[in-house]
Every structure is written in structure tokens, then in C-alpha cells.
Amino acid sequence: MSDEFDAVLDAVGPRLRELRRRSGATLTALSETTGIPVSTLSRLESGHRKPGLELLLPLARAYQVPLDELVGAPASGDPRVYPRPIVRNGMTVIPLTRKPGGLQAFKQILPASSDELEPETRSHEGYHWLYVLNGRLRLVLGDQDLVLTAGEVAEFDTHLPHWFGNADSRPVEYLSILGPQGERFHLRARYRRS
């Protein structure tokens, strides 16, 4: 039993290194997010430090993966995703996928707001697809200022500065799918000539 336990712990380091690389984080950035010293993170990834719950729990939170994924627990065979909502600055984000890297899907809910927010656009690596479920979503994309309503879709390269928020005082719900740079969504539709 001890050999099996040691084998599981030995596999954690490479798994942590791969998660960090796929997320594009540096050891310094991960240290700032988790509060774990850079030297400890480095020793964990290289296998020179055995992982304990006090280290694995903040890392699982930072990578937004279940703890059993960090330690390589056997799959339960249950395909259901049990999302845990994350609330940041009043916005609720519900992860709909559980694998880091590749496409990531989220349901996002912006609460009702009476504040007129001044958009602070950001740009980053990746590709983004939005689908509005309810409400009106304001999307600032480069020099465009758009309002998307229920059933509307937007798709864009995230290198273009962007921002989203409520278009009015009511809540808005939307699906958000993020992909790595170069990974786009392809819709197949027939062109109908008039």
C-alpha cells in the first residue's frame, strides 16, 4: 500500500507543472495567487517536496480543478459536472467544464445594477464566444459599443480590447466559452441565394 501511495504522490509534481504551463502562469504569479512561496512551488513541481492538503487545496482553487484531479484519483465514471459557483465583484461565474486547457465554458450572471460602469477594456491571449440567455449585455469591443439581447451571439479574438457589463439596470445571464489562441468555433450553415 505504501508503494501505491508514494507513486500517487510522485505523480503530483509533473501534473502541477503541466497545469501551470497550460494556464500560462509563472511560478511568481501562482505564488501571489495562492500565498505559497515560489521555492515551495518549484520543489512541489520537481518532486522534491511531498504535497499536503495545505498546499493542494489552494492550488486546486487557483487552477479551478477538483482536488482529485491534482492527485490523479481514478475516474468515478460519472460524466456529470458538479459546478461550484464563484462570486467575484458581484458577478456569479459557474464553470461548466472541468478540464484545464482547451475550451472552457462558463455560465455568467451579472446582477441588476443601477451604476453606470465606465468600461475598462482588457486584452489577452485566446478566443471568446458569448451567447446571451437573458437580459441585455453591453459589449465594448475595440471601438465598437454593442448591446446583445437574449439569443444573440458574439465571437472575437481576445487580443482585441474588450469589456462586458449590464446594458441596463436588470440582471443579465450569458454563456461564455473561451479557447486558446487560434481555436475558433465553426458554424455550419447553408447559404441561401435570394
N, C-alpha and C. Protein backbone atom coordinates (compact mmCIF):
# COMPACT_ATOMS: atom_id res chain seq x y z
N MET A 1 0.83 -1.20 0.00
CA MET A 1 0.00 0.00 0.00
C MET A 1 0.87 1.26 0.00
N SER A 2 1.99 1.22 0.72
CA SER A 2 2.90 2.35 0.80
C SER A 2 3.48 2.69 -0.57
N ASP A 3 3.82 1.67 -1.38
CA ASP A 3 4.36 1.91 -2.71
C ASP A 3 3.33 2.60 -3.60
N GLU A 4 2.07 2.19 -3.49
CA GLU A 4 1.00 2.79 -4.29
C GLU A 4 0.79 4.26 -3.89
N PHE A 5 0.83 4.51 -2.59
CA PHE A 5 0.68 5.87 -2.07
C PHE A 5 1.82 6.76 -2.56
N ASP A 6 3.05 6.25 -2.48
CA ASP A 6 4.22 7.01 -2.95
C ASP A 6 4.13 7.30 -4.44
N ALA A 7 3.64 6.33 -5.22
CA ALA A 7 3.50 6.52 -6.67
C ALA A 7 2.50 7.64 -6.99
N VAL A 8 1.40 7.69 -6.23
CA VAL A 8 0.40 8.75 -6.42
C VAL A 8 1.01 10.10 -6.11
N LEU A 9 1.74 10.20 -4.99
CA LEU A 9 2.36 11.48 -4.62
C LEU A 9 3.45 11.89 -5.60
N ASP A 10 4.21 10.93 -6.12
CA ASP A 10 5.27 11.24 -7.09
C ASP A 10 4.70 11.80 -8.39
N ALA A 11 3.48 11.44 -8.74
CA ALA A 11 2.87 11.90 -9.99
C ALA A 11 2.28 13.31 -9.87
N VAL A 12 2.14 13.81 -8.64
CA VAL A 12 1.53 15.12 -8.44
C VAL A 12 2.39 16.24 -9.02
N GLY A 13 3.70 16.20 -8.81
CA GLY A 13 4.59 17.26 -9.29
C GLY A 13 4.49 17.52 -10.78
N PRO A 14 4.67 16.47 -11.61
CA PRO A 14 4.53 16.69 -13.06
C PRO A 14 3.13 17.19 -13.45
N ARG A 15 2.11 16.72 -12.73
CA ARG A 15 0.74 17.16 -13.04
C ARG A 15 0.60 18.66 -12.73
N LEU A 16 1.18 19.10 -11.60
CA LEU A 16 1.12 20.52 -11.25
C LEU A 16 1.86 21.38 -12.27
N ARG A 17 3.03 20.91 -12.70
CA ARG A 17 3.81 21.66 -13.68
C ARG A 17 3.02 21.80 -14.99
N GLU A 18 2.37 20.71 -15.43
CA GLU A 18 1.60 20.75 -16.67
C GLU A 18 0.41 21.70 -16.54
N LEU A 19 -0.29 21.67 -15.40
CA LEU A 19 -1.42 22.59 -15.19
C LEU A 19 -0.95 24.04 -15.26
N ARG A 20 0.18 24.32 -14.62
CA ARG A 20 0.70 25.69 -14.63
C ARG A 20 1.08 26.12 -16.03
N ARG A 21 1.74 25.26 -16.76
CA ARG A 21 2.15 25.61 -18.13
C ARG A 21 0.94 25.84 -19.02
N ARG A 22 -0.07 24.96 -18.91
CA ARG A 22 -1.27 25.12 -19.74
C ARG A 22 -2.02 26.40 -19.40
N SER A 23 -1.96 26.80 -18.13
CA SER A 23 -2.67 28.03 -17.75
C SER A 23 -1.87 29.27 -18.13
N GLY A 24 -0.59 29.09 -18.47
CA GLY A 24 0.26 30.22 -18.85
C GLY A 24 0.78 31.00 -17.66
N ALA A 25 0.64 30.45 -16.44
CA ALA A 25 1.08 31.16 -15.24
C ALA A 25 2.57 30.93 -14.97
N THR A 26 3.19 31.90 -14.34
CA THR A 26 4.57 31.73 -13.88
C THR A 26 4.51 31.28 -12.42
N LEU A 27 5.63 30.79 -11.92
CA LEU A 27 5.69 30.42 -10.51
C LEU A 27 5.41 31.64 -9.62
N THR A 28 5.92 32.79 -10.03
CA THR A 28 5.71 34.02 -9.26
C THR A 28 4.23 34.39 -9.20
N ALA A 29 3.55 34.34 -10.35
CA ALA A 29 2.11 34.67 -10.39
C ALA A 29 1.32 33.67 -9.56
N LEU A 30 1.67 32.39 -9.66
CA LEU A 30 0.97 31.36 -8.89
C LEU A 30 1.20 31.57 -7.39
N SER A 31 2.40 31.97 -7.03
CA SER A 31 2.72 32.25 -5.63
C SER A 31 1.86 33.39 -5.10
N GLU A 32 1.69 34.44 -5.91
CA GLU A 32 0.86 35.58 -5.50
C GLU A 32 -0.60 35.17 -5.33
N THR A 33 -1.09 34.28 -6.20
CA THR A 33 -2.48 33.83 -6.15
C THR A 33 -2.74 32.92 -4.95
N THR A 34 -1.80 32.02 -4.67
CA THR A 34 -2.02 31.00 -3.64
C THR A 34 -1.43 31.33 -2.28
N GLY A 35 -0.43 32.24 -2.24
CA GLY A 35 0.26 32.51 -0.98
C GLY A 35 1.34 31.49 -0.66
N ILE A 36 1.61 30.59 -1.59
CA ILE A 36 2.65 29.57 -1.41
C ILE A 36 3.95 30.12 -1.96
N PRO A 37 5.04 30.07 -1.19
CA PRO A 37 6.32 30.60 -1.69
C PRO A 37 6.76 29.95 -3.01
N VAL A 38 7.43 30.73 -3.85
CA VAL A 38 7.92 30.25 -5.15
C VAL A 38 8.80 29.01 -4.96
N SER A 39 9.68 29.04 -3.95
CA SER A 39 10.58 27.90 -3.73
C SER A 39 9.80 26.63 -3.42
N THR A 40 8.72 26.74 -2.66
CA THR A 40 7.89 25.57 -2.34
C THR A 40 7.20 25.06 -3.59
N LEU A 41 6.66 25.98 -4.41
CA LEU A 41 6.00 25.57 -5.65
C LEU A 41 6.99 24.84 -6.57
N SER A 42 8.20 25.37 -6.67
CA SER A 42 9.22 24.76 -7.51
C SER A 42 9.58 23.35 -7.01
N ARG A 43 9.73 23.21 -5.69
CA ARG A 43 10.05 21.89 -5.11
C ARG A 43 8.89 20.91 -5.29
N LEU A 44 7.65 21.41 -5.21
CA LEU A 44 6.48 20.54 -5.46
C LEU A 44 6.51 20.01 -6.89
N GLU A 45 6.70 20.91 -7.85
CA GLU A 45 6.70 20.52 -9.26
C GLU A 45 7.84 19.57 -9.60
N SER A 46 8.98 19.75 -8.96
CA SER A 46 10.13 18.88 -9.26
C SER A 46 10.10 17.57 -8.47
N GLY A 47 9.15 17.43 -7.54
CA GLY A 47 9.05 16.20 -6.76
C GLY A 47 9.93 16.19 -5.53
N HIS A 48 10.57 17.31 -5.21
CA HIS A 48 11.44 17.38 -4.04
C HIS A 48 10.69 17.73 -2.76
N ARG A 49 9.37 17.97 -2.88
CA ARG A 49 8.53 18.25 -1.72
C ARG A 49 7.25 17.44 -1.87
N LYS A 50 6.87 16.72 -0.83
CA LYS A 50 5.63 15.94 -0.86
C LYS A 50 4.45 16.88 -0.65
N PRO A 51 3.42 16.75 -1.46
CA PRO A 51 2.26 17.65 -1.33
C PRO A 51 1.36 17.24 -0.17
N GLY A 52 0.90 18.23 0.57
CA GLY A 52 -0.10 18.02 1.61
C GLY A 52 -1.33 18.83 1.29
N LEU A 53 -2.39 18.62 2.05
CA LEU A 53 -3.64 19.35 1.79
C LEU A 53 -3.46 20.86 1.89
N GLU A 54 -2.57 21.32 2.81
CA GLU A 54 -2.37 22.76 2.96
C GLU A 54 -1.80 23.39 1.69
N LEU A 55 -1.17 22.59 0.83
CA LEU A 55 -0.65 23.09 -0.44
C LEU A 55 -1.59 22.76 -1.60
N LEU A 56 -2.18 21.58 -1.57
CA LEU A 56 -3.03 21.16 -2.70
C LEU A 56 -4.35 21.93 -2.78
N LEU A 57 -4.94 22.25 -1.63
CA LEU A 57 -6.22 22.98 -1.67
C LEU A 57 -6.11 24.34 -2.33
N PRO A 58 -5.13 25.20 -1.97
CA PRO A 58 -5.04 26.48 -2.68
C PRO A 58 -4.69 26.32 -4.16
N LEU A 59 -3.91 25.27 -4.49
CA LEU A 59 -3.57 25.04 -5.90
C LEU A 59 -4.80 24.60 -6.70
N ALA A 60 -5.61 23.73 -6.12
CA ALA A 60 -6.85 23.29 -6.79
C ALA A 60 -7.76 24.49 -7.02
N ARG A 61 -7.83 25.39 -6.03
CA ARG A 61 -8.64 26.60 -6.17
C ARG A 61 -8.10 27.50 -7.27
N ALA A 62 -6.78 27.67 -7.30
CA ALA A 62 -6.16 28.55 -8.30
C ALA A 62 -6.36 28.02 -9.71
N TYR A 63 -6.26 26.70 -9.89
CA TYR A 63 -6.43 26.12 -11.22
C TYR A 63 -7.89 25.80 -11.54
N GLN A 64 -8.76 25.97 -10.55
CA GLN A 64 -10.19 25.68 -10.69
C GLN A 64 -10.42 24.25 -11.16
N VAL A 65 -9.75 23.31 -10.47
CA VAL A 65 -9.94 21.89 -10.74
C VAL A 65 -10.24 21.18 -9.43
N PRO A 66 -10.93 20.05 -9.49
CA PRO A 66 -11.18 19.29 -8.27
C PRO A 66 -9.86 18.75 -7.70
N LEU A 67 -9.81 18.60 -6.40
CA LEU A 67 -8.62 18.08 -5.73
C LEU A 67 -8.23 16.70 -6.26
N ASP A 68 -9.22 15.86 -6.55
CA ASP A 68 -8.90 14.51 -7.05
C ASP A 68 -8.20 14.55 -8.40
N GLU A 69 -8.38 15.63 -9.16
CA GLU A 69 -7.67 15.76 -10.42
C GLU A 69 -6.19 16.07 -10.20
N LEU A 70 -5.89 16.82 -9.15
CA LEU A 70 -4.50 17.13 -8.84
C LEU A 70 -3.72 15.89 -8.42
N VAL A 71 -4.39 14.98 -7.70
CA VAL A 71 -3.68 13.78 -7.21
C VAL A 71 -3.88 12.58 -8.12
N GLY A 72 -4.64 12.75 -9.20
CA GLY A 72 -4.81 11.66 -10.14
C GLY A 72 -5.69 10.54 -9.62
N ALA A 73 -6.73 10.90 -8.89
CA ALA A 73 -7.66 9.90 -8.38
C ALA A 73 -8.34 9.21 -9.56
N PRO A 74 -8.66 7.91 -9.40
CA PRO A 74 -9.30 7.21 -10.51
C PRO A 74 -10.66 7.83 -10.82
N ALA A 75 -11.00 7.82 -12.09
CA ALA A 75 -12.29 8.38 -12.53
C ALA A 75 -13.43 7.57 -11.94
N SER A 76 -14.49 8.27 -11.57
CA SER A 76 -15.64 7.59 -10.97
C SER A 76 -16.58 7.04 -12.03
N GLY A 77 -16.40 7.45 -13.27
CA GLY A 77 -17.30 7.01 -14.33
C GLY A 77 -18.53 7.90 -14.44
N ASP A 78 -18.66 8.85 -13.55
CA ASP A 78 -19.81 9.75 -13.55
C ASP A 78 -19.50 10.94 -14.46
N PRO A 79 -20.20 11.10 -15.59
CA PRO A 79 -19.89 12.18 -16.53
C PRO A 79 -20.44 13.54 -16.11
N ARG A 80 -21.25 13.58 -15.06
CA ARG A 80 -21.86 14.86 -14.68
C ARG A 80 -20.82 15.81 -14.09
N VAL A 81 -20.99 17.07 -14.39
CA VAL A 81 -20.14 18.12 -13.83
C VAL A 81 -20.91 18.74 -12.68
N TYR A 82 -20.26 18.88 -11.53
CA TYR A 82 -20.89 19.49 -10.37
C TYR A 82 -20.28 20.87 -10.17
N PRO A 83 -20.83 21.85 -10.87
CA PRO A 83 -20.21 23.19 -10.83
C PRO A 83 -20.36 23.84 -9.46
N ARG A 84 -19.32 24.55 -9.07
CA ARG A 84 -19.36 25.35 -7.85
C ARG A 84 -19.26 26.80 -8.26
N PRO A 85 -20.33 27.55 -8.02
CA PRO A 85 -20.32 28.96 -8.41
C PRO A 85 -19.21 29.74 -7.71
N ILE A 86 -18.64 30.68 -8.45
CA ILE A 86 -17.61 31.58 -7.94
C ILE A 86 -18.19 32.97 -8.05
N VAL A 87 -18.16 33.75 -6.97
CA VAL A 87 -18.69 35.11 -7.00
C VAL A 87 -17.52 36.08 -6.90
N ARG A 88 -17.39 36.94 -7.91
CA ARG A 88 -16.33 37.95 -7.95
C ARG A 88 -16.94 39.29 -8.33
N ASN A 89 -16.73 40.28 -7.49
CA ASN A 89 -17.24 41.64 -7.74
C ASN A 89 -18.73 41.63 -8.06
N GLY A 90 -19.50 40.79 -7.38
CA GLY A 90 -20.94 40.71 -7.58
C GLY A 90 -21.36 39.82 -8.73
N MET A 91 -20.43 39.44 -9.62
CA MET A 91 -20.76 38.58 -10.76
C MET A 91 -20.62 37.12 -10.33
N THR A 92 -21.57 36.28 -10.72
CA THR A 92 -21.50 34.85 -10.43
C THR A 92 -21.00 34.13 -11.68
N VAL A 93 -19.96 33.32 -11.51
CA VAL A 93 -19.39 32.55 -12.61
C VAL A 93 -19.55 31.07 -12.25
N ILE A 94 -20.20 30.32 -13.12
CA ILE A 94 -20.41 28.90 -12.89
C ILE A 94 -19.64 28.12 -13.95
N PRO A 95 -18.55 27.43 -13.55
CA PRO A 95 -17.79 26.66 -14.55
C PRO A 95 -18.62 25.47 -15.05
N LEU A 96 -18.66 25.29 -16.35
CA LEU A 96 -19.42 24.19 -16.94
C LEU A 96 -18.51 23.10 -17.49
N THR A 97 -17.21 23.33 -17.46
CA THR A 97 -16.23 22.32 -17.86
C THR A 97 -15.28 22.12 -16.70
N ARG A 98 -14.61 20.99 -16.67
CA ARG A 98 -13.72 20.73 -15.54
C ARG A 98 -12.30 20.39 -15.94
N LYS A 99 -11.97 20.52 -17.19
CA LYS A 99 -10.61 20.23 -17.65
C LYS A 99 -9.88 21.53 -17.94
N PRO A 100 -8.67 21.71 -17.38
CA PRO A 100 -7.91 22.90 -17.72
C PRO A 100 -7.36 22.80 -19.13
N GLY A 101 -7.09 23.95 -19.73
CA GLY A 101 -6.59 23.95 -21.11
C GLY A 101 -7.74 23.69 -22.07
N GLY A 102 -7.54 23.93 -23.34
CA GLY A 102 -8.60 23.71 -24.32
C GLY A 102 -9.75 24.67 -24.09
N LEU A 103 -10.92 24.28 -24.55
CA LEU A 103 -12.10 25.13 -24.40
C LEU A 103 -12.62 25.09 -22.98
N GLN A 104 -12.97 26.26 -22.46
CA GLN A 104 -13.53 26.40 -21.12
C GLN A 104 -14.90 27.05 -21.26
N ALA A 105 -15.94 26.46 -20.66
CA ALA A 105 -17.29 27.00 -20.74
C ALA A 105 -17.76 27.46 -19.36
N PHE A 106 -18.45 28.60 -19.34
CA PHE A 106 -18.95 29.18 -18.10
C PHE A 106 -20.33 29.75 -18.33
N LYS A 107 -21.17 29.71 -17.29
CA LYS A 107 -22.40 30.49 -17.28
C LYS A 107 -22.09 31.66 -16.37
N GLN A 108 -22.38 32.88 -16.82
CA GLN A 108 -22.07 34.07 -16.04
C GLN A 108 -23.34 34.86 -15.80
N ILE A 109 -23.47 35.36 -14.59
CA ILE A 109 -24.66 36.14 -14.21
C ILE A 109 -24.20 37.46 -13.62
N LEU A 110 -24.59 38.55 -14.27
CA LEU A 110 -24.31 39.90 -13.76
C LEU A 110 -25.57 40.36 -13.05
N PRO A 111 -25.46 40.77 -11.79
CA PRO A 111 -26.66 41.18 -11.04
C PRO A 111 -27.22 42.49 -11.57
N ALA A 112 -28.44 42.78 -11.15
CA ALA A 112 -29.05 44.06 -11.51
C ALA A 112 -28.15 45.17 -11.00
N SER A 113 -28.03 46.22 -11.79
CA SER A 113 -27.12 47.30 -11.41
C SER A 113 -27.72 48.63 -11.80
N SER A 114 -27.61 49.59 -10.87
CA SER A 114 -28.08 50.94 -11.20
C SER A 114 -26.88 51.83 -11.53
N ASP A 115 -25.67 51.29 -11.33
CA ASP A 115 -24.45 52.06 -11.60
C ASP A 115 -24.13 52.07 -13.09
N GLU A 116 -23.72 53.19 -13.59
CA GLU A 116 -23.23 53.31 -14.97
C GLU A 116 -21.74 53.04 -14.88
N LEU A 117 -21.32 51.86 -15.26
CA LEU A 117 -19.91 51.50 -15.18
C LEU A 117 -19.13 52.04 -16.36
N GLU A 118 -17.98 52.58 -16.06
CA GLU A 118 -17.07 53.03 -17.12
C GLU A 118 -16.27 51.81 -17.56
N PRO A 119 -16.40 51.40 -18.82
CA PRO A 119 -15.71 50.20 -19.28
C PRO A 119 -14.19 50.32 -19.18
N GLU A 120 -13.56 49.29 -18.62
CA GLU A 120 -12.11 49.17 -18.61
C GLU A 120 -11.77 47.97 -19.48
N THR A 121 -11.43 48.24 -20.73
CA THR A 121 -11.17 47.14 -21.66
C THR A 121 -9.86 46.44 -21.32
N ARG A 122 -9.83 45.13 -21.62
CA ARG A 122 -8.64 44.32 -21.43
C ARG A 122 -8.43 43.49 -22.68
N SER A 123 -7.21 43.04 -22.86
CA SER A 123 -6.94 42.11 -23.95
C SER A 123 -6.03 41.03 -23.39
N HIS A 124 -6.11 39.85 -23.98
CA HIS A 124 -5.30 38.72 -23.52
C HIS A 124 -5.27 37.66 -24.61
N GLU A 125 -4.52 36.63 -24.39
CA GLU A 125 -4.40 35.51 -25.32
C GLU A 125 -5.73 34.75 -25.35
N GLY A 126 -6.18 34.33 -26.52
CA GLY A 126 -7.34 33.46 -26.59
C GLY A 126 -8.40 33.89 -27.59
N TYR A 127 -9.51 33.19 -27.52
CA TYR A 127 -10.65 33.42 -28.39
C TYR A 127 -11.90 33.29 -27.53
N HIS A 128 -12.93 34.14 -27.72
CA HIS A 128 -14.10 34.17 -26.84
C HIS A 128 -15.38 34.09 -27.67
N TRP A 129 -16.33 33.33 -27.14
CA TRP A 129 -17.65 33.19 -27.74
C TRP A 129 -18.67 33.45 -26.65
N LEU A 130 -19.67 34.30 -26.90
CA LEU A 130 -20.71 34.65 -25.92
C LEU A 130 -22.08 34.32 -26.49
N TYR A 131 -22.97 33.86 -25.62
CA TYR A 131 -24.37 33.64 -26.01
C TYR A 131 -25.23 34.19 -24.88
N VAL A 132 -26.06 35.19 -25.16
CA VAL A 132 -26.88 35.81 -24.13
C VAL A 132 -28.14 34.97 -23.91
N LEU A 133 -28.35 34.57 -22.65
CA LEU A 133 -29.52 33.78 -22.28
C LEU A 133 -30.70 34.68 -21.90
N ASN A 134 -30.44 35.67 -21.04
CA ASN A 134 -31.47 36.58 -20.55
C ASN A 134 -30.87 37.96 -20.33
N GLY A 135 -31.67 38.98 -20.56
CA GLY A 135 -31.21 40.33 -20.30
C GLY A 135 -30.50 40.96 -21.49
N ARG A 136 -29.81 42.05 -21.22
CA ARG A 136 -29.11 42.81 -22.26
C ARG A 136 -27.67 42.99 -21.82
N LEU A 137 -26.75 42.49 -22.62
CA LEU A 137 -25.32 42.53 -22.32
C LEU A 137 -24.65 43.61 -23.15
N ARG A 138 -23.96 44.51 -22.48
CA ARG A 138 -23.19 45.53 -23.20
C ARG A 138 -21.80 44.97 -23.45
N LEU A 139 -21.37 45.01 -24.70
CA LEU A 139 -20.06 44.52 -25.11
C LEU A 139 -19.30 45.66 -25.77
N VAL A 140 -18.20 46.04 -25.16
CA VAL A 140 -17.31 47.02 -25.77
C VAL A 140 -16.18 46.20 -26.38
N LEU A 141 -16.01 46.32 -27.69
CA LEU A 141 -15.05 45.52 -28.43
C LEU A 141 -14.27 46.44 -29.36
N GLY A 142 -13.04 46.75 -28.95
CA GLY A 142 -12.27 47.72 -29.72
C GLY A 142 -12.97 49.06 -29.66
N ASP A 143 -13.30 49.65 -30.81
CA ASP A 143 -14.00 50.93 -30.81
C ASP A 143 -15.51 50.77 -30.99
N GLN A 144 -16.01 49.52 -30.94
CA GLN A 144 -17.45 49.28 -31.06
C GLN A 144 -18.07 49.18 -29.67
N ASP A 145 -19.29 49.70 -29.51
CA ASP A 145 -20.04 49.59 -28.27
C ASP A 145 -21.38 48.96 -28.64
N LEU A 146 -21.55 47.69 -28.31
CA LEU A 146 -22.70 46.91 -28.77
C LEU A 146 -23.59 46.50 -27.61
N VAL A 147 -24.87 46.23 -27.88
CA VAL A 147 -25.78 45.66 -26.90
C VAL A 147 -26.32 44.36 -27.50
N LEU A 148 -26.08 43.25 -26.79
CA LEU A 148 -26.57 41.95 -27.21
C LEU A 148 -27.78 41.59 -26.36
N THR A 149 -28.81 41.04 -27.00
CA THR A 149 -30.01 40.63 -26.28
C THR A 149 -30.14 39.12 -26.32
N ALA A 150 -31.11 38.58 -25.59
CA ALA A 150 -31.30 37.14 -25.49
C ALA A 150 -31.29 36.48 -26.87
N GLY A 151 -30.50 35.45 -27.02
CA GLY A 151 -30.40 34.71 -28.28
C GLY A 151 -29.30 35.19 -29.20
N GLU A 152 -28.67 36.32 -28.88
CA GLU A 152 -27.61 36.83 -29.75
C GLU A 152 -26.25 36.27 -29.33
N VAL A 153 -25.37 36.18 -30.33
CA VAL A 153 -24.05 35.58 -30.14
C VAL A 153 -22.98 36.57 -30.61
N ALA A 154 -21.85 36.57 -29.91
CA ALA A 154 -20.68 37.33 -30.34
C ALA A 154 -19.48 36.41 -30.27
N GLU A 155 -18.54 36.61 -31.19
CA GLU A 155 -17.34 35.76 -31.28
C GLU A 155 -16.19 36.69 -31.64
N PHE A 156 -15.07 36.62 -30.88
CA PHE A 156 -13.96 37.53 -31.16
C PHE A 156 -12.64 37.01 -30.61
N ASP A 157 -11.57 37.51 -31.22
CA ASP A 157 -10.21 37.26 -30.77
C ASP A 157 -9.97 38.16 -29.56
N THR A 158 -9.49 37.59 -28.45
CA THR A 158 -9.35 38.37 -27.22
C THR A 158 -8.13 39.29 -27.20
N HIS A 159 -7.35 39.30 -28.28
CA HIS A 159 -6.30 40.31 -28.38
C HIS A 159 -6.93 41.70 -28.56
N LEU A 160 -8.16 41.72 -29.11
CA LEU A 160 -8.89 42.96 -29.29
C LEU A 160 -9.39 43.41 -27.91
N PRO A 161 -9.08 44.64 -27.48
CA PRO A 161 -9.53 45.10 -26.16
C PRO A 161 -11.05 44.96 -26.04
N HIS A 162 -11.50 44.41 -24.91
CA HIS A 162 -12.93 44.13 -24.73
C HIS A 162 -13.35 44.30 -23.27
N TRP A 163 -14.67 44.43 -23.08
CA TRP A 163 -15.29 44.57 -21.76
C TRP A 163 -16.74 44.19 -21.89
N PHE A 164 -17.33 43.56 -20.85
CA PHE A 164 -18.77 43.32 -20.86
C PHE A 164 -19.37 43.78 -19.53
N GLY A 165 -20.64 44.16 -19.61
CA GLY A 165 -21.38 44.59 -18.42
C GLY A 165 -22.86 44.67 -18.74
N ASN A 166 -23.65 45.09 -17.75
CA ASN A 166 -25.09 45.25 -17.97
C ASN A 166 -25.33 46.41 -18.93
N ALA A 167 -26.27 46.20 -19.82
CA ALA A 167 -26.65 47.28 -20.74
C ALA A 167 -27.72 48.17 -20.10
N ASP A 168 -28.36 47.68 -19.04
CA ASP A 168 -29.37 48.46 -18.32
C ASP A 168 -29.35 48.02 -16.85
N SER A 169 -30.37 48.36 -16.10
CA SER A 169 -30.37 48.10 -14.67
C SER A 169 -30.82 46.68 -14.29
N ARG A 170 -31.15 45.86 -15.28
CA ARG A 170 -31.61 44.50 -14.99
C ARG A 170 -30.46 43.50 -15.05
N PRO A 171 -30.61 42.33 -14.40
CA PRO A 171 -29.55 41.31 -14.47
C PRO A 171 -29.41 40.75 -15.89
N VAL A 172 -28.26 40.18 -16.17
CA VAL A 172 -28.02 39.56 -17.47
C VAL A 172 -27.32 38.22 -17.24
N GLU A 173 -27.74 37.21 -17.99
CA GLU A 173 -27.13 35.89 -17.93
C GLU A 173 -26.61 35.53 -19.31
N TYR A 174 -25.40 34.98 -19.36
CA TYR A 174 -24.85 34.58 -20.65
C TYR A 174 -23.91 33.40 -20.49
N LEU A 175 -23.77 32.67 -21.59
CA LEU A 175 -22.79 31.59 -21.66
C LEU A 175 -21.53 32.16 -22.27
N SER A 176 -20.41 31.73 -21.74
CA SER A 176 -19.13 32.25 -22.19
C SER A 176 -18.21 31.05 -22.44
N ILE A 177 -17.68 30.95 -23.64
CA ILE A 177 -16.74 29.87 -23.96
C ILE A 177 -15.44 30.52 -24.39
N LEU A 178 -14.37 30.12 -23.71
CA LEU A 178 -13.04 30.66 -24.00
C LEU A 178 -12.17 29.55 -24.55
N GLY A 179 -11.41 29.89 -25.58
CA GLY A 179 -10.50 28.92 -26.17
C GLY A 179 -9.11 29.51 -26.31
N PRO A 180 -8.12 28.64 -26.45
CA PRO A 180 -6.76 29.13 -26.68
C PRO A 180 -6.68 29.88 -28.00
N GLN A 181 -5.63 30.67 -28.14
CA GLN A 181 -5.44 31.44 -29.37
C GLN A 181 -5.46 30.51 -30.58
N GLY A 182 -6.19 30.90 -31.60
CA GLY A 182 -6.25 30.11 -32.83
C GLY A 182 -7.34 29.07 -32.84
N GLU A 183 -7.95 28.79 -31.69
CA GLU A 183 -9.02 27.80 -31.65
C GLU A 183 -10.35 28.54 -31.75
N ARG A 184 -11.01 28.41 -32.90
CA ARG A 184 -12.24 29.14 -33.17
C ARG A 184 -13.41 28.18 -33.22
N PHE A 185 -14.60 28.75 -33.15
CA PHE A 185 -15.81 27.97 -33.28
C PHE A 185 -16.23 28.00 -34.73
N HIS A 186 -16.72 26.90 -35.22
CA HIS A 186 -17.13 26.83 -36.62
C HIS A 186 -18.60 26.45 -36.68
N LEU A 187 -19.38 27.30 -37.30
CA LEU A 187 -20.79 27.03 -37.50
C LEU A 187 -20.98 26.60 -38.94
N ARG A 188 -21.75 25.57 -39.13
CA ARG A 188 -22.01 25.11 -40.48
C ARG A 188 -23.44 25.53 -40.84
N ALA A 189 -23.57 26.31 -41.87
CA ALA A 189 -24.88 26.78 -42.30
C ALA A 189 -24.89 26.85 -43.81
N ARG A 190 -26.06 26.68 -44.37
CA ARG A 190 -26.18 26.78 -45.81
C ARG A 190 -26.44 28.22 -46.20
N TYR A 191 -25.83 28.63 -47.28
CA TYR A 191 -26.07 29.96 -47.82
C TYR A 191 -27.27 29.86 -48.74
N ARG A 192 -28.22 30.75 -48.56
CA ARG A 192 -29.43 30.73 -49.39
C ARG A 192 -29.43 31.95 -50.27
N ARG A 193 -29.43 31.72 -51.57
CA ARG A 193 -29.45 32.86 -52.50
C ARG A 193 -30.83 33.44 -52.60
N SER A 194 -30.89 34.78 -52.72
CA SER A 194 -32.22 35.41 -52.85
C SER A 194 -32.58 35.56 -54.29
